[in-house]
Structure formats: C-alpha cells, structure tokens
Amino acid sequence: MTAARALPALGLLVTLSACARQTLAGAVAADAPGFLRGLWDGFIFIWSWLVSLFVPEVAVYQVPNNGGWYDFGYFLGIVVFGAGARGGTRIVYRTRTIREREVAGSHRVIREEDEA
C-alpha cells in the first residue's frame, strides 16, 4: 500500500477508534471472570457468535470481567487456540519455465511457457 493510500485509511481508522467506548459502568470487576475464562471464551468464540445470532441471551464476551487479564486470555483464545489458529496453512508452489527459440532465417523469437 502506498503512502497516498495509507494516510486516508489511517485517518479513517483513527476517526472510527474515537467512537469506541465502554458501554457499562460496572464492566470491570475484581471478582469477575479472569484469564482462564477469557481463554475459554476466546477458544469457543466462533460457536458463541453463531449461537448469539439466534439466541439474544448468549454473548461472545463476558461482562463484567476483571479487565486486562480477561482480555489477554480472550485474545489468546481466539488467535492461538481458536478460529485464528487454522488460517494461512496452505502453501502453493508454482514453477514456470520459459523457453525462447529463434526462427531460422528471421529475427523472430518464439516464447514457450510450461507450468509445472
């Protein structure tokens, strides 16, 4: 991405991030779910999200929680152990051979490509 395209995208991202806020005053509590519950909630995120589409009582994020440790466990649960762990595992290798040959009696060059 060039700098000319990155600057407006960065400006839009900063503008949208200004809208982020905590909706509940009591969202962080000392005796609430912590790291291990966040890890579990992150691990089952995809299933919780699917169920939450049809059942309004199911949420993908535990409120109240104990703050940073729950968030860290939730992040690890999604990225390392959950849905994000399976992405990007397919590797495709392609080789291409280009042969050039000159036509006798002219300056013409013929290119032939083979893909393996």
PDB file of N, CA and C in Angstrom:
ATOM      1  N   MET A   1       0.849  -1.164   0.000  1.00  0.00           N
ATOM      2  CA  MET A   1       0.000   0.000   0.000  1.00  0.00           C
ATOM      3  C   MET A   1       0.900   1.235   0.000  1.00  0.00           C
ATOM      4  N   THR A   2       0.612   2.151  -0.865  1.00  0.00           N
ATOM      5  CA  THR A   2       1.427   3.354  -0.955  1.00  0.00           C
ATOM      6  C   THR A   2       1.040   4.334   0.151  1.00  0.00           C
ATOM      7  N   ALA A   3       1.910   5.315   0.356  1.00  0.00           N
ATOM      8  CA  ALA A   3       1.666   6.306   1.404  1.00  0.00           C
ATOM      9  C   ALA A   3       0.422   7.137   1.091  1.00  0.00           C
ATOM     10  N   ALA A   4       0.169   7.375  -0.200  1.00  0.00           N
ATOM     11  CA  ALA A   4      -1.005   8.158  -0.582  1.00  0.00           C
ATOM     12  C   ALA A   4      -2.302   7.448  -0.214  1.00  0.00           C
ATOM     13  N   ARG A   5      -2.297   6.124  -0.245  1.00  0.00           N
ATOM     14  CA  ARG A   5      -3.492   5.365   0.137  1.00  0.00           C
ATOM     15  C   ARG A   5      -3.538   5.100   1.632  1.00  0.00           C
ATOM     16  N   ALA A   6      -2.384   4.975   2.249  1.00  0.00           N
ATOM     17  CA  ALA A   6      -2.330   4.633   3.670  1.00  0.00           C
ATOM     18  C   ALA A   6      -2.782   5.789   4.550  1.00  0.00           C
ATOM     19  N   LEU A   7      -2.487   7.025   4.164  1.00  0.00           N
ATOM     20  CA  LEU A   7      -2.827   8.168   5.003  1.00  0.00           C
ATOM     21  C   LEU A   7      -4.332   8.347   5.189  1.00  0.00           C
ATOM     22  N   PRO A   8      -5.148   8.311   4.125  1.00  0.00           N
ATOM     23  CA  PRO A   8      -6.602   8.401   4.359  1.00  0.00           C
ATOM     24  C   PRO A   8      -7.152   7.212   5.145  1.00  0.00           C
ATOM     25  N   ALA A   9      -6.604   6.017   4.904  1.00  0.00           N
ATOM     26  CA  ALA A   9      -7.066   4.839   5.647  1.00  0.00           C
ATOM     27  C   ALA A   9      -6.722   4.978   7.125  1.00  0.00           C
ATOM     28  N   LEU A  10      -5.542   5.490   7.428  1.00  0.00           N
ATOM     29  CA  LEU A  10      -5.146   5.702   8.816  1.00  0.00           C
ATOM     30  C   LEU A  10      -6.021   6.764   9.469  1.00  0.00           C
ATOM     31  N   GLY A  11      -6.326   7.830   8.733  1.00  0.00           N
ATOM     32  CA  GLY A  11      -7.206   8.868   9.256  1.00  0.00           C
ATOM     33  C   GLY A  11      -8.593   8.331   9.574  1.00  0.00           C
ATOM     34  N   LEU A  12      -9.121   7.483   8.686  1.00  0.00           N
ATOM     35  CA  LEU A  12     -10.426   6.877   8.922  1.00  0.00           C
ATOM     36  C   LEU A  12     -10.391   5.960  10.144  1.00  0.00           C
ATOM     37  N   LEU A  13      -9.320   5.196  10.288  1.00  0.00           N
ATOM     38  CA  LEU A  13      -9.184   4.300  11.429  1.00  0.00           C
ATOM     39  C   LEU A  13      -9.124   5.075  12.743  1.00  0.00           C
ATOM     40  N   VAL A  14      -8.375   6.162  12.769  1.00  0.00           N
ATOM     41  CA  VAL A  14      -8.280   6.979  13.981  1.00  0.00           C
ATOM     42  C   VAL A  14      -9.630   7.613  14.300  1.00  0.00           C
ATOM     43  N   THR A  15     -10.337   8.077  13.273  1.00  0.00           N
ATOM     44  CA  THR A  15     -11.652   8.674  13.477  1.00  0.00           C
ATOM     45  C   THR A  15     -12.638   7.656  14.038  1.00  0.00           C
ATOM     46  N   LEU A  16     -12.639   6.447  13.487  1.00  0.00           N
ATOM     47  CA  LEU A  16     -13.546   5.408  13.981  1.00  0.00           C
ATOM     48  C   LEU A  16     -13.175   4.948  15.384  1.00  0.00           C
ATOM     49  N   SER A  17     -11.891   4.928  15.709  1.00  0.00           N
ATOM     50  CA  SER A  17     -11.484   4.496  17.044  1.00  0.00           C
ATOM     51  C   SER A  17     -11.910   5.493  18.109  1.00  0.00           C
ATOM     52  N   ALA A  18     -12.151   6.732  17.721  1.00  0.00           N
ATOM     53  CA  ALA A  18     -12.637   7.722  18.679  1.00  0.00           C
ATOM     54  C   ALA A  18     -14.052   7.389  19.141  1.00  0.00           C
ATOM     55  N   CYS A  19     -14.768   6.586  18.379  1.00  0.00           N
ATOM     56  CA  CYS A  19     -16.138   6.201  18.741  1.00  0.00           C
ATOM     57  C   CYS A  19     -16.169   5.058  19.758  1.00  0.00           C
ATOM     58  N   ALA A  20     -15.060   4.366  19.960  1.00  0.00           N
ATOM     59  CA  ALA A  20     -15.027   3.220  20.872  1.00  0.00           C
ATOM     60  C   ALA A  20     -15.132   3.694  22.319  1.00  0.00           C
ATOM     61  N   ARG A  21     -15.973   3.026  23.078  1.00  0.00           N
ATOM     62  CA  ARG A  21     -16.124   3.361  24.489  1.00  0.00           C
ATOM     63  C   ARG A  21     -16.682   2.154  25.215  1.00  0.00           C
ATOM     64  N   GLN A  22     -16.543   2.160  26.516  1.00  0.00           N
ATOM     65  CA  GLN A  22     -17.092   1.101  27.352  1.00  0.00           C
ATOM     66  C   GLN A  22     -18.548   1.433  27.617  1.00  0.00           C
ATOM     67  N   THR A  23     -19.448   0.523  27.325  1.00  0.00           N
ATOM     68  CA  THR A  23     -20.868   0.832  27.441  1.00  0.00           C
ATOM     69  C   THR A  23     -21.416   0.674  28.857  1.00  0.00           C
ATOM     70  N   LEU A  24     -20.838  -0.193  29.653  1.00  0.00           N
ATOM     71  CA  LEU A  24     -21.354  -0.425  31.000  1.00  0.00           C
ATOM     72  C   LEU A  24     -20.385   0.121  32.042  1.00  0.00           C
ATOM     73  N   ALA A  25     -20.906   0.827  33.026  1.00  0.00           N
ATOM     74  CA  ALA A  25     -20.051   1.406  34.064  1.00  0.00           C
ATOM     75  C   ALA A  25     -19.394   0.317  34.903  1.00  0.00           C
ATOM     76  N   GLY A  26     -20.081  -0.766  35.175  1.00  0.00           N
ATOM     77  CA  GLY A  26     -19.538  -1.836  36.006  1.00  0.00           C
ATOM     78  C   GLY A  26     -18.984  -2.984  35.189  1.00  0.00           C
ATOM     79  N   ALA A  27     -18.384  -2.703  34.051  1.00  0.00           N
ATOM     80  CA  ALA A  27     -17.922  -3.765  33.169  1.00  0.00           C
ATOM     81  C   ALA A  27     -16.687  -4.479  33.698  1.00  0.00           C
ATOM     82  N   VAL A  28     -15.901  -3.837  34.554  1.00  0.00           N
ATOM     83  CA  VAL A  28     -14.706  -4.455  35.115  1.00  0.00           C
ATOM     84  C   VAL A  28     -14.924  -4.623  36.614  1.00  0.00           C
ATOM     85  N   ALA A  29     -14.779  -5.862  37.069  1.00  0.00           N
ATOM     86  CA  ALA A  29     -14.958  -6.165  38.490  1.00  0.00           C
ATOM     87  C   ALA A  29     -13.842  -7.088  38.954  1.00  0.00           C
ATOM     88  N   ALA A  30     -13.374  -6.887  40.182  1.00  0.00           N
ATOM     89  CA  ALA A  30     -12.237  -7.653  40.695  1.00  0.00           C
ATOM     90  C   ALA A  30     -12.526  -9.145  40.821  1.00  0.00           C
ATOM     91  N   ASP A  31     -13.724  -9.529  41.257  1.00  0.00           N
ATOM     92  CA  ASP A  31     -14.033 -10.937  41.477  1.00  0.00           C
ATOM     93  C   ASP A  31     -14.705 -11.585  40.269  1.00  0.00           C
ATOM     94  N   ALA A  32     -14.687 -10.935  39.125  1.00  0.00           N
ATOM     95  CA  ALA A  32     -15.331 -11.434  37.909  1.00  0.00           C
ATOM     96  C   ALA A  32     -14.397 -12.389  37.158  1.00  0.00           C
ATOM     97  N   PRO A  33     -14.879 -13.010  36.087  1.00  0.00           N
ATOM     98  CA  PRO A  33     -14.058 -13.947  35.313  1.00  0.00           C
ATOM     99  C   PRO A  33     -12.738 -13.330  34.863  1.00  0.00           C
ATOM    100  N   GLY A  34     -11.686 -14.141  34.897  1.00  0.00           N
ATOM    101  CA  GLY A  34     -10.348 -13.659  34.587  1.00  0.00           C
ATOM    102  C   GLY A  34      -9.737 -14.331  33.372  1.00  0.00           C
ATOM    103  N   PHE A  35      -8.428 -14.564  33.443  1.00  0.00           N
ATOM    104  CA  PHE A  35      -7.643 -15.052  32.315  1.00  0.00           C
ATOM    105  C   PHE A  35      -8.162 -16.375  31.755  1.00  0.00           C
ATOM    106  N   LEU A  36      -8.364 -17.362  32.614  1.00  0.00           N
ATOM    107  CA  LEU A  36      -8.761 -18.689  32.126  1.00  0.00           C
ATOM    108  C   LEU A  36     -10.145 -18.672  31.485  1.00  0.00           C
ATOM    109  N   ARG A  37     -11.068 -17.910  32.044  1.00  0.00           N
ATOM    110  CA  ARG A  37     -12.392 -17.804  31.435  1.00  0.00           C
ATOM    111  C   ARG A  37     -12.301 -17.064  30.095  1.00  0.00           C
ATOM    112  N   GLY A  38     -11.426 -16.044  30.031  1.00  0.00           N
ATOM    113  CA  GLY A  38     -11.206 -15.345  28.769  1.00  0.00           C
ATOM    114  C   GLY A  38     -10.602 -16.259  27.711  1.00  0.00           C
ATOM    115  N   LEU A  39      -9.679 -17.114  28.137  1.00  0.00           N
ATOM    116  CA  LEU A  39      -9.081 -18.088  27.224  1.00  0.00           C
ATOM    117  C   LEU A  39     -10.153 -19.022  26.668  1.00  0.00           C
ATOM    118  N   TRP A  40     -11.010 -19.511  27.537  1.00  0.00           N
ATOM    119  CA  TRP A  40     -12.085 -20.401  27.101  1.00  0.00           C
ATOM    120  C   TRP A  40     -13.075 -19.677  26.194  1.00  0.00           C
ATOM    121  N   ASP A  41     -13.471 -18.462  26.574  1.00  0.00           N
ATOM    122  CA  ASP A  41     -14.417 -17.708  25.752  1.00  0.00           C
ATOM    123  C   ASP A  41     -13.839 -17.390  24.377  1.00  0.00           C
ATOM    124  N   GLY A  42     -12.544 -17.121  24.314  1.00  0.00           N
ATOM    125  CA  GLY A  42     -11.900 -16.886  23.021  1.00  0.00           C
ATOM    126  C   GLY A  42     -11.835 -18.151  22.181  1.00  0.00           C
ATOM    127  N   PHE A  43     -11.582 -19.281  22.846  1.00  0.00           N
ATOM    128  CA  PHE A  43     -11.498 -20.558  22.141  1.00  0.00           C
ATOM    129  C   PHE A  43     -12.831 -20.943  21.505  1.00  0.00           C
ATOM    130  N   ILE A  44     -13.915 -20.692  22.203  1.00  0.00           N
ATOM    131  CA  ILE A  44     -15.242 -21.065  21.682  1.00  0.00           C
ATOM    132  C   ILE A  44     -15.934 -19.886  20.994  1.00  0.00           C
ATOM    133  N   PHE A  45     -15.181 -18.857  20.653  1.00  0.00           N
ATOM    134  CA  PHE A  45     -15.756 -17.644  20.077  1.00  0.00           C
ATOM    135  C   PHE A  45     -16.646 -17.915  18.878  1.00  0.00           C
ATOM    136  N   ILE A  46     -16.191 -18.696  17.926  1.00  0.00           N
ATOM    137  CA  ILE A  46     -16.946 -18.899  16.685  1.00  0.00           C
ATOM    138  C   ILE A  46     -18.298 -19.532  16.977  1.00  0.00           C
ATOM    139  N   TRP A  47     -18.325 -20.486  17.905  1.00  0.00           N
ATOM    140  CA  TRP A  47     -19.597 -21.142  18.232  1.00  0.00           C
ATOM    141  C   TRP A  47     -20.507 -20.202  19.018  1.00  0.00           C
ATOM    142  N   SER A  48     -19.921 -19.439  19.930  1.00  0.00           N
ATOM    143  CA  SER A  48     -20.715 -18.462  20.683  1.00  0.00           C
ATOM    144  C   SER A  48     -21.311 -17.418  19.757  1.00  0.00           C
ATOM    145  N   TRP A  49     -20.531 -16.987  18.792  1.00  0.00           N
ATOM    146  CA  TRP A  49     -21.019 -15.980  17.851  1.00  0.00           C
ATOM    147  C   TRP A  49     -22.172 -16.520  17.017  1.00  0.00           C
ATOM    148  N   LEU A  50     -22.036 -17.764  16.536  1.00  0.00           N
ATOM    149  CA  LEU A  50     -23.107 -18.357  15.749  1.00  0.00           C
ATOM    150  C   LEU A  50     -24.395 -18.495  16.558  1.00  0.00           C
ATOM    151  N   VAL A  51     -24.273 -18.946  17.802  1.00  0.00           N
ATOM    152  CA  VAL A  51     -25.460 -19.089  18.653  1.00  0.00           C
ATOM    153  C   VAL A  51     -26.048 -17.717  18.977  1.00  0.00           C
ATOM    154  N   SER A  52     -25.184 -16.702  19.176  1.00  0.00           N
ATOM    155  CA  SER A  52     -25.673 -15.364  19.532  1.00  0.00           C
ATOM    156  C   SER A  52     -26.484 -14.719  18.414  1.00  0.00           C
ATOM    157  N   LEU A  53     -26.340 -15.202  17.196  1.00  0.00           N
ATOM    158  CA  LEU A  53     -27.142 -14.674  16.098  1.00  0.00           C
ATOM    159  C   LEU A  53     -28.620 -15.025  16.259  1.00  0.00           C
ATOM    160  N   PHE A  54     -28.892 -16.141  16.937  1.00  0.00           N
ATOM    161  CA  PHE A  54     -30.259 -16.628  17.065  1.00  0.00           C
ATOM    162  C   PHE A  54     -30.812 -16.573  18.485  1.00  0.00           C
ATOM    163  N   VAL A  55     -29.932 -16.529  19.481  1.00  0.00           N
ATOM    164  CA  VAL A  55     -30.362 -16.511  20.884  1.00  0.00           C
ATOM    165  C   VAL A  55     -29.858 -15.220  21.529  1.00  0.00           C
ATOM    166  N   PRO A  56     -30.732 -14.279  21.844  1.00  0.00           N
ATOM    167  CA  PRO A  56     -30.283 -12.989  22.377  1.00  0.00           C
ATOM    168  C   PRO A  56     -29.606 -13.062  23.749  1.00  0.00           C
ATOM    169  N   GLU A  57     -29.827 -14.116  24.516  1.00  0.00           N
ATOM    170  CA  GLU A  57     -29.220 -14.236  25.836  1.00  0.00           C
ATOM    171  C   GLU A  57     -27.758 -14.667  25.789  1.00  0.00           C
ATOM    172  N   VAL A  58     -27.267 -15.124  24.646  1.00  0.00           N
ATOM    173  CA  VAL A  58     -25.887 -15.591  24.512  1.00  0.00           C
ATOM    174  C   VAL A  58     -25.024 -14.453  23.979  1.00  0.00           C
ATOM    175  N   ALA A  59     -23.899 -14.209  24.643  1.00  0.00           N
ATOM    176  CA  ALA A  59     -22.958 -13.178  24.209  1.00  0.00           C
ATOM    177  C   ALA A  59     -21.589 -13.811  23.958  1.00  0.00           C
ATOM    178  N   VAL A  60     -20.764 -13.160  23.165  1.00  0.00           N
ATOM    179  CA  VAL A  60     -19.437 -13.706  22.862  1.00  0.00           C
ATOM    180  C   VAL A  60     -18.386 -13.193  23.829  1.00  0.00           C
ATOM    181  N   TYR A  61     -18.738 -12.221  24.668  1.00  0.00           N
ATOM    182  CA  TYR A  61     -17.790 -11.582  25.569  1.00  0.00           C
ATOM    183  C   TYR A  61     -18.431 -11.467  26.945  1.00  0.00           C
ATOM    184  N   GLN A  62     -17.711 -11.872  27.990  1.00  0.00           N
ATOM    185  CA  GLN A  62     -18.242 -11.898  29.357  1.00  0.00           C
ATOM    186  C   GLN A  62     -18.210 -10.504  29.982  1.00  0.00           C
ATOM    187  N   VAL A  63     -19.353 -10.009  30.406  1.00  0.00           N
ATOM    188  CA  VAL A  63     -19.431  -8.734  31.123  1.00  0.00           C
ATOM    189  C   VAL A  63     -20.208  -8.980  32.392  1.00  0.00           C
ATOM    190  N   PRO A  64     -19.702  -8.646  33.555  1.00  0.00           N
ATOM    191  CA  PRO A  64     -18.434  -7.986  33.849  1.00  0.00           C
ATOM    192  C   PRO A  64     -17.285  -8.987  33.851  1.00  0.00           C
ATOM    193  N   ASN A  65     -16.068  -8.457  33.655  1.00  0.00           N
ATOM    194  CA  ASN A  65     -14.859  -9.267  33.728  1.00  0.00           C
ATOM    195  C   ASN A  65     -13.814  -8.490  34.514  1.00  0.00           C
ATOM    196  N   ASN A  66     -12.638  -9.084  34.720  1.00  0.00           N
ATOM    197  CA  ASN A  66     -11.642  -8.393  35.540  1.00  0.00           C
ATOM    198  C   ASN A  66     -10.664  -7.552  34.723  1.00  0.00           C
ATOM    199  N   GLY A  67     -11.023  -7.224  33.484  1.00  0.00           N
ATOM    200  CA  GLY A  67     -10.230  -6.265  32.712  1.00  0.00           C
ATOM    201  C   GLY A  67      -9.163  -6.893  31.852  1.00  0.00           C
ATOM    202  N   GLY A  68      -7.931  -6.430  32.023  1.00  0.00           N
ATOM    203  CA  GLY A  68      -6.815  -6.781  31.149  1.00  0.00           C
ATOM    204  C   GLY A  68      -6.518  -8.268  31.047  1.00  0.00           C
ATOM    205  N   TRP A  69      -6.569  -8.994  32.163  1.00  0.00           N
ATOM    206  CA  TRP A  69      -6.255 -10.422  32.104  1.00  0.00           C
ATOM    207  C   TRP A  69      -7.325 -11.200  31.341  1.00  0.00           C
ATOM    208  N   TYR A  70      -8.582 -10.818  31.513  1.00  0.00           N
ATOM    209  CA  TYR A  70      -9.634 -11.470  30.730  1.00  0.00           C
ATOM    210  C   TYR A  70      -9.442 -11.176  29.247  1.00  0.00           C
ATOM    211  N   ASP A  71      -9.159  -9.916  28.914  1.00  0.00           N
ATOM    212  CA  ASP A  71      -8.941  -9.534  27.521  1.00  0.00           C
ATOM    213  C   ASP A  71      -7.758 -10.284  26.919  1.00  0.00           C
ATOM    214  N   PHE A  72      -6.671 -10.434  27.688  1.00  0.00           N
ATOM    215  CA  PHE A  72      -5.495 -11.156  27.203  1.00  0.00           C
ATOM    216  C   PHE A  72      -5.827 -12.627  26.953  1.00  0.00           C
ATOM    217  N   GLY A  73      -6.551 -13.255  27.857  1.00  0.00           N
ATOM    218  CA  GLY A  73      -6.965 -14.640  27.660  1.00  0.00           C
ATOM    219  C   GLY A  73      -7.896 -14.784  26.475  1.00  0.00           C
ATOM    220  N   TYR A  74      -8.795 -13.835  26.313  1.00  0.00           N
ATOM    221  CA  TYR A  74      -9.734 -13.848  25.185  1.00  0.00           C
ATOM    222  C   TYR A  74      -8.971 -13.748  23.863  1.00  0.00           C
ATOM    223  N   PHE A  75      -8.005 -12.832  23.814  1.00  0.00           N
ATOM    224  CA  PHE A  75      -7.170 -12.660  22.623  1.00  0.00           C
ATOM    225  C   PHE A  75      -6.404 -13.945  22.308  1.00  0.00           C
ATOM    226  N   LEU A  76      -5.750 -14.525  23.303  1.00  0.00           N
ATOM    227  CA  LEU A  76      -5.018 -15.775  23.079  1.00  0.00           C
ATOM    228  C   LEU A  76      -5.947 -16.899  22.655  1.00  0.00           C
ATOM    229  N   GLY A  77      -7.112 -16.941  23.240  1.00  0.00           N
ATOM    230  CA  GLY A  77      -8.078 -17.979  22.893  1.00  0.00           C
ATOM    231  C   GLY A  77      -8.491 -17.911  21.435  1.00  0.00           C
ATOM    232  N   ILE A  78      -8.703 -16.701  20.925  1.00  0.00           N
ATOM    233  CA  ILE A  78      -9.092 -16.553  19.523  1.00  0.00           C
ATOM    234  C   ILE A  78      -7.915 -16.790  18.593  1.00  0.00           C
ATOM    235  N   VAL A  79      -6.801 -16.116  18.843  1.00  0.00           N
ATOM    236  CA  VAL A  79      -5.688 -16.123  17.892  1.00  0.00           C
ATOM    237  C   VAL A  79      -4.884 -17.421  17.930  1.00  0.00           C
ATOM    238  N   VAL A  80      -4.558 -17.895  19.108  1.00  0.00           N
ATOM    239  CA  VAL A  80      -3.665 -19.056  19.212  1.00  0.00           C
ATOM    240  C   VAL A  80      -4.424 -20.377  19.188  1.00  0.00           C
ATOM    241  N   PHE A  81      -5.492 -20.475  19.959  1.00  0.00           N
ATOM    242  CA  PHE A  81      -6.169 -21.755  20.108  1.00  0.00           C
ATOM    243  C   PHE A  81      -7.471 -21.870  19.333  1.00  0.00           C
ATOM    244  N   GLY A  82      -8.064 -20.767  18.960  1.00  0.00           N
ATOM    245  CA  GLY A  82      -9.394 -20.798  18.360  1.00  0.00           C
ATOM    246  C   GLY A  82      -9.397 -20.652  16.860  1.00  0.00           C
ATOM    247  N   ALA A  83     -10.277 -19.810  16.375  1.00  0.00           N
ATOM    248  CA  ALA A  83     -10.522 -19.667  14.940  1.00  0.00           C
ATOM    249  C   ALA A  83      -9.313 -19.159  14.179  1.00  0.00           C
ATOM    250  N   GLY A  84      -8.499 -18.311  14.774  1.00  0.00           N
ATOM    251  CA  GLY A  84      -7.344 -17.762  14.073  1.00  0.00           C
ATOM    252  C   GLY A  84      -6.196 -18.732  13.917  1.00  0.00           C
ATOM    253  N   ALA A  85      -6.219 -19.867  14.610  1.00  0.00           N
ATOM    254  CA  ALA A  85      -5.098 -20.802  14.572  1.00  0.00           C
ATOM    255  C   ALA A  85      -5.034 -21.599  13.279  1.00  0.00           C
ATOM    256  N   ARG A  86      -6.119 -21.694  12.536  1.00  0.00           N
ATOM    257  CA  ARG A  86      -6.119 -22.529  11.350  1.00  0.00           C
ATOM    258  C   ARG A  86      -5.896 -21.761  10.050  1.00  0.00           C
ATOM    259  N   GLY A  87      -5.854 -20.464  10.093  1.00  0.00           N
ATOM    260  CA  GLY A  87      -5.724 -19.670   8.868  1.00  0.00           C
ATOM    261  C   GLY A  87      -4.304 -19.645   8.342  1.00  0.00           C
ATOM    262  N   GLY A  88      -4.172 -19.615   7.036  1.00  0.00           N
ATOM    263  CA  GLY A  88      -2.870 -19.442   6.404  1.00  0.00           C
ATOM    264  C   GLY A  88      -1.965 -20.652   6.417  1.00  0.00           C
ATOM    265  N   THR A  89      -2.504 -21.859   6.429  1.00  0.00           N
ATOM    266  CA  THR A  89      -1.649 -23.038   6.468  1.00  0.00           C
ATOM    267  C   THR A  89      -1.402 -23.638   5.089  1.00  0.00           C
ATOM    268  N   ARG A  90      -2.085 -23.158   4.082  1.00  0.00           N
ATOM    269  CA  ARG A  90      -1.942 -23.721   2.747  1.00  0.00           C
ATOM    270  C   ARG A  90      -0.856 -22.975   1.981  1.00  0.00           C
ATOM    271  N   ILE A  91       0.107 -23.726   1.448  1.00  0.00           N
ATOM    272  CA  ILE A  91       1.201 -23.143   0.679  1.00  0.00           C
ATOM    273  C   ILE A  91       1.151 -23.719  -0.723  1.00  0.00           C
ATOM    274  N   VAL A  92       1.210 -22.850  -1.713  1.00  0.00           N
ATOM    275  CA  VAL A  92       1.162 -23.276  -3.104  1.00  0.00           C
ATOM    276  C   VAL A  92       2.473 -22.865  -3.770  1.00  0.00           C
ATOM    277  N   TYR A  93       3.136 -23.832  -4.362  1.00  0.00           N
ATOM    278  CA  TYR A  93       4.360 -23.555  -5.104  1.00  0.00           C
ATOM    279  C   TYR A  93       4.080 -23.726  -6.587  1.00  0.00           C
ATOM    280  N   ARG A  94       4.539 -22.787  -7.368  1.00  0.00           N
ATOM    281  CA  ARG A  94       4.382 -22.888  -8.813  1.00  0.00           C
ATOM    282  C   ARG A  94       5.721 -22.620  -9.465  1.00  0.00           C
ATOM    283  N   THR A  95       6.002 -23.394 -10.466  1.00  0.00           N
ATOM    284  CA  THR A  95       7.214 -23.153 -11.244  1.00  0.00           C
ATOM    285  C   THR A  95       6.809 -22.913 -12.685  1.00  0.00           C
ATOM    286  N   ARG A  96       7.515 -22.022 -13.315  1.00  0.00           N
ATOM    287  CA  ARG A  96       7.219 -21.691 -14.699  1.00  0.00           C
ATOM    288  C   ARG A  96       8.529 -21.670 -15.468  1.00  0.00           C
ATOM    289  N   THR A  97       8.559 -22.389 -16.564  1.00  0.00           N
ATOM    290  CA  THR A  97       9.746 -22.450 -17.409  1.00  0.00           C
ATOM    291  C   THR A  97       9.445 -21.737 -18.716  1.00  0.00           C
ATOM    292  N   ILE A  98      10.312 -20.810 -19.078  1.00  0.00           N
ATOM    293  CA  ILE A  98      10.141 -20.078 -20.326  1.00  0.00           C
ATOM    294  C   ILE A  98      11.309 -20.431 -21.242  1.00  0.00           C
ATOM    295  N   ARG A  99      10.950 -20.909 -22.423  1.00  0.00           N
ATOM    296  CA  ARG A  99      11.977 -21.235 -23.420  1.00  0.00           C
ATOM    297  C   ARG A  99      11.819 -20.282 -24.599  1.00  0.00           C
ATOM    298  N   GLU A 100      12.934 -19.777 -25.076  1.00  0.00           N
ATOM    299  CA  GLU A 100      12.908 -18.913 -26.256  1.00  0.00           C
ATOM    300  C   GLU A 100      13.702 -19.602 -27.360  1.00  0.00           C
ATOM    301  N   ARG A 101      13.142 -19.517 -28.537  1.00  0.00           N
ATOM    302  CA  ARG A 101      13.889 -20.053 -29.678  1.00  0.00           C
ATOM    303  C   ARG A 101      13.732 -19.102 -30.858  1.00  0.00           C
ATOM    304  N   GLU A 102      14.779 -19.033 -31.639  1.00  0.00           N
ATOM    305  CA  GLU A 102      14.791 -18.156 -32.796  1.00  0.00           C
ATOM    306  C   GLU A 102      14.369 -18.927 -34.028  1.00  0.00           C
ATOM    307  N   VAL A 103      13.539 -18.304 -34.837  1.00  0.00           N
ATOM    308  CA  VAL A 103      13.118 -18.916 -36.081  1.00  0.00           C
ATOM    309  C   VAL A 103      14.245 -18.719 -37.080  1.00  0.00           C
ATOM    310  N   ALA A 104      14.656 -19.801 -37.692  1.00  0.00           N
ATOM    311  CA  ALA A 104      15.780 -19.742 -38.637  1.00  0.00           C
ATOM    312  C   ALA A 104      15.462 -18.819 -39.810  1.00  0.00           C
ATOM    313  N   GLY A 105      16.413 -17.952 -40.154  1.00  0.00           N
ATOM    314  CA  GLY A 105      16.257 -17.056 -41.290  1.00  0.00           C
ATOM    315  C   GLY A 105      15.495 -15.783 -40.985  1.00  0.00           C
ATOM    316  N   SER A 106      15.163 -15.517 -39.714  1.00  0.00           N
ATOM    317  CA  SER A 106      14.464 -14.271 -39.377  1.00  0.00           C
ATOM    318  C   SER A 106      14.925 -13.806 -38.002  1.00  0.00           C
ATOM    319  N   HIS A 107      14.440 -12.653 -37.609  1.00  0.00           N
ATOM    320  CA  HIS A 107      14.771 -12.113 -36.292  1.00  0.00           C
ATOM    321  C   HIS A 107      13.663 -12.397 -35.287  1.00  0.00           C
ATOM    322  N   ARG A 108      12.786 -13.272 -35.633  1.00  0.00           N
ATOM    323  CA  ARG A 108      11.631 -13.580 -34.797  1.00  0.00           C
ATOM    324  C   ARG A 108      12.009 -14.544 -33.670  1.00  0.00           C
ATOM    325  N   VAL A 109      11.487 -14.240 -32.445  1.00  0.00           N
ATOM    326  CA  VAL A 109      11.736 -15.093 -31.280  1.00  0.00           C
ATOM    327  C   VAL A 109      10.394 -15.618 -30.792  1.00  0.00           C
ATOM    328  N   ILE A 110      10.339 -16.919 -30.565  1.00  0.00           N
ATOM    329  CA  ILE A 110       9.106 -17.558 -30.078  1.00  0.00           C
ATOM    330  C   ILE A 110       9.334 -17.947 -28.607  1.00  0.00           C
ATOM    331  N   ARG A 111       8.398 -17.528 -27.770  1.00  0.00           N
ATOM    332  CA  ARG A 111       8.470 -17.864 -26.344  1.00  0.00           C
ATOM    333  C   ARG A 111       7.462 -18.955 -26.031  1.00  0.00           C
ATOM    334  N   GLU A 112       7.905 -19.983 -25.365  1.00  0.00           N
ATOM    335  CA  GLU A 112       7.027 -21.068 -24.941  1.00  0.00           C
ATOM    336  C   GLU A 112       7.081 -21.148 -23.430  1.00  0.00           C
ATOM    337  N   GLU A 113       5.898 -21.247 -22.802  1.00  0.00           N
ATOM    338  CA  GLU A 113       5.829 -21.328 -21.345  1.00  0.00           C
ATOM    339  C   GLU A 113       5.239 -22.672 -20.938  1.00  0.00           C
ATOM    340  N   ASP A 114       5.854 -23.263 -19.930  1.00  0.00           N
ATOM    341  CA  ASP A 114       5.371 -24.506 -19.334  1.00  0.00           C
ATOM    342  C   ASP A 114       5.165 -24.266 -17.845  1.00  0.00           C
ATOM    343  N   GLU A 115       4.000 -24.688 -17.342  1.00  0.00           N
ATOM    344  CA  GLU A 115       3.766 -24.620 -15.913  1.00  0.00           C
ATOM    345  C   GLU A 115       3.748 -26.024 -15.336  1.00  0.00           C
ATOM    346  N   ALA A 116       4.446 -26.158 -14.219  1.00  0.00           N
ATOM    347  CA  ALA A 116       4.514 -27.480 -13.594  1.00  0.00           C
ATOM    348  C   ALA A 116       3.634 -27.536 -12.382  1.00  0.00           C
TER     349      ALA A 116
END
